[in-house]
Amino acid sequence: MHGSAPDIAGQGVANPIGAIGSAALMLDHLGLPDEAARLDKAIEAATAAGVLTPDPVGGAGTAEATAAVIDHLA
């Protein structure tokens, strides 16, 4: 994960998966492997369901992609 992407700021098309995946890595590092695995599984489920931002091949916005991951946590 890098850069601030000023060229897409405010457009709602940034891919949140990198930041969410980094959070899972941090949870694992902090000794919370079950929580990290849960977050990784939610990412996998959301992307497998086809909720992707434009940068890979999808049509979802940042908020929609984030919500899909959150929905798979429940």
C-alpha atoms as a PDB file:
ATOM      1  CA  MET A   1       0.000   0.000   0.000  1.00  0.00           C
ATOM      2  CA  HIS A   2       1.478   3.336  -0.985  1.00  0.00           C
ATOM      3  CA  GLY A   3       0.771   6.806  -2.237  1.00  0.00           C
ATOM      4  CA  SER A   4      -2.105   9.167  -1.639  1.00  0.00           C
ATOM      5  CA  ALA A   5      -3.567   8.928  -5.177  1.00  0.00           C
ATOM      6  CA  PRO A   6      -4.524  12.604  -5.516  1.00  0.00           C
ATOM      7  CA  ASP A   7      -5.663  11.923  -9.082  1.00  0.00           C
ATOM      8  CA  ILE A   8      -8.666   9.923  -7.790  1.00  0.00           C
ATOM      9  CA  ALA A   9      -9.303  11.825  -4.546  1.00  0.00           C
ATOM     10  CA  GLY A  10     -12.991  12.311  -3.850  1.00  0.00           C
ATOM     11  CA  GLN A  11     -14.134  10.041  -6.681  1.00  0.00           C
ATOM     12  CA  GLY A  12     -14.945   7.037  -4.488  1.00  0.00           C
ATOM     13  CA  VAL A  13     -13.006   4.619  -6.677  1.00  0.00           C
ATOM     14  CA  ALA A  14      -9.991   3.835  -4.480  1.00  0.00           C
ATOM     15  CA  ASN A  15      -9.574   0.163  -3.660  1.00  0.00           C
ATOM     16  CA  PRO A  16      -9.831  -0.346   0.137  1.00  0.00           C
ATOM     17  CA  ILE A  17      -8.661  -3.976   0.045  1.00  0.00           C
ATOM     18  CA  GLY A  18      -4.976  -3.082   0.549  1.00  0.00           C
ATOM     19  CA  ALA A  19      -5.715  -1.079   3.676  1.00  0.00           C
ATOM     20  CA  ILE A  20      -8.067  -3.720   5.048  1.00  0.00           C
ATOM     21  CA  GLY A  21      -5.529  -6.450   4.301  1.00  0.00           C
ATOM     22  CA  SER A  22      -2.851  -4.421   6.086  1.00  0.00           C
ATOM     23  CA  ALA A  23      -5.125  -4.272   9.111  1.00  0.00           C
ATOM     24  CA  ALA A  24      -5.349  -8.078   9.046  1.00  0.00           C
ATOM     25  CA  LEU A  25      -1.549  -8.307   8.989  1.00  0.00           C
ATOM     26  CA  MET A  26      -1.368  -5.907  11.925  1.00  0.00           C
ATOM     27  CA  LEU A  27      -3.887  -7.978  13.903  1.00  0.00           C
ATOM     28  CA  ASP A  28      -1.791 -11.076  13.309  1.00  0.00           C
ATOM     29  CA  HIS A  29       1.373  -9.247  14.377  1.00  0.00           C
ATOM     30  CA  LEU A  30      -0.374  -8.115  17.567  1.00  0.00           C
ATOM     31  CA  GLY A  31      -1.123 -11.716  18.471  1.00  0.00           C
ATOM     32  CA  LEU A  32      -4.694 -11.834  17.237  1.00  0.00           C
ATOM     33  CA  PRO A  33      -4.499 -14.530  14.538  1.00  0.00           C
ATOM     34  CA  ASP A  34      -8.177 -15.509  14.760  1.00  0.00           C
ATOM     35  CA  GLU A  35      -9.286 -11.932  14.171  1.00  0.00           C
ATOM     36  CA  ALA A  36      -6.788 -11.581  11.311  1.00  0.00           C
ATOM     37  CA  ALA A  37      -8.081 -14.774   9.693  1.00  0.00           C
ATOM     38  CA  ARG A  38     -11.653 -13.563  10.059  1.00  0.00           C
ATOM     39  CA  LEU A  39     -10.807 -10.330   8.274  1.00  0.00           C
ATOM     40  CA  ASP A  40      -8.909 -12.179   5.527  1.00  0.00           C
ATOM     41  CA  LYS A  41     -11.898 -14.487   4.992  1.00  0.00           C
ATOM     42  CA  ALA A  42     -14.220 -11.474   4.732  1.00  0.00           C
ATOM     43  CA  ILE A  43     -11.947  -9.961   2.066  1.00  0.00           C
ATOM     44  CA  GLU A  44     -11.912 -13.242   0.157  1.00  0.00           C
ATOM     45  CA  ALA A  45     -15.695 -13.598   0.347  1.00  0.00           C
ATOM     46  CA  ALA A  46     -16.354 -10.025  -0.794  1.00  0.00           C
ATOM     47  CA  THR A  47     -13.996 -10.255  -3.739  1.00  0.00           C
ATOM     48  CA  ALA A  48     -15.223 -13.746  -4.672  1.00  0.00           C
ATOM     49  CA  ALA A  49     -18.736 -12.303  -4.774  1.00  0.00           C
ATOM     50  CA  GLY A  50     -17.489  -9.917  -7.451  1.00  0.00           C
ATOM     51  CA  VAL A  51     -17.496  -6.726  -5.403  1.00  0.00           C
ATOM     52  CA  LEU A  52     -14.429  -5.102  -6.938  1.00  0.00           C
ATOM     53  CA  THR A  53     -13.366  -1.528  -7.557  1.00  0.00           C
ATOM     54  CA  PRO A  54     -12.480  -0.389 -11.092  1.00  0.00           C
ATOM     55  CA  ASP A  55      -8.728  -0.908 -10.709  1.00  0.00           C
ATOM     56  CA  PRO A  56      -8.912  -4.684 -11.002  1.00  0.00           C
ATOM     57  CA  VAL A  57     -12.037  -5.097 -13.187  1.00  0.00           C
ATOM     58  CA  GLY A  58     -15.089  -4.129 -11.176  1.00  0.00           C
ATOM     59  CA  GLY A  59     -17.652  -1.428 -10.921  1.00  0.00           C
ATOM     60  CA  ALA A  60     -17.948  -0.989  -7.152  1.00  0.00           C
ATOM     61  CA  GLY A  61     -16.970   2.189  -5.391  1.00  0.00           C
ATOM     62  CA  THR A  62     -14.780   2.468  -2.316  1.00  0.00           C
ATOM     63  CA  ALA A  63     -17.739   2.571   0.090  1.00  0.00           C
ATOM     64  CA  GLU A  64     -19.455  -0.387  -1.594  1.00  0.00           C
ATOM     65  CA  ALA A  65     -16.304  -2.533  -1.499  1.00  0.00           C
ATOM     66  CA  THR A  66     -15.725  -1.643   2.161  1.00  0.00           C
ATOM     67  CA  ALA A  67     -19.351  -2.412   3.035  1.00  0.00           C
ATOM     68  CA  ALA A  68     -19.092  -5.800   1.313  1.00  0.00           C
ATOM     69  CA  VAL A  69     -16.124  -6.756   3.481  1.00  0.00           C
ATOM     70  CA  ILE A  70     -17.934  -5.547   6.604  1.00  0.00           C
ATOM     71  CA  ASP A  71     -21.042  -7.510   5.623  1.00  0.00           C
ATOM     72  CA  HIS A  72     -18.963 -10.683   5.387  1.00  0.00           C
ATOM     73  CA  LEU A  73     -17.655 -10.120   8.916  1.00  0.00           C
ATOM     74  CA  ALA A  74     -21.132 -10.540  10.356  1.00  0.00           C
END
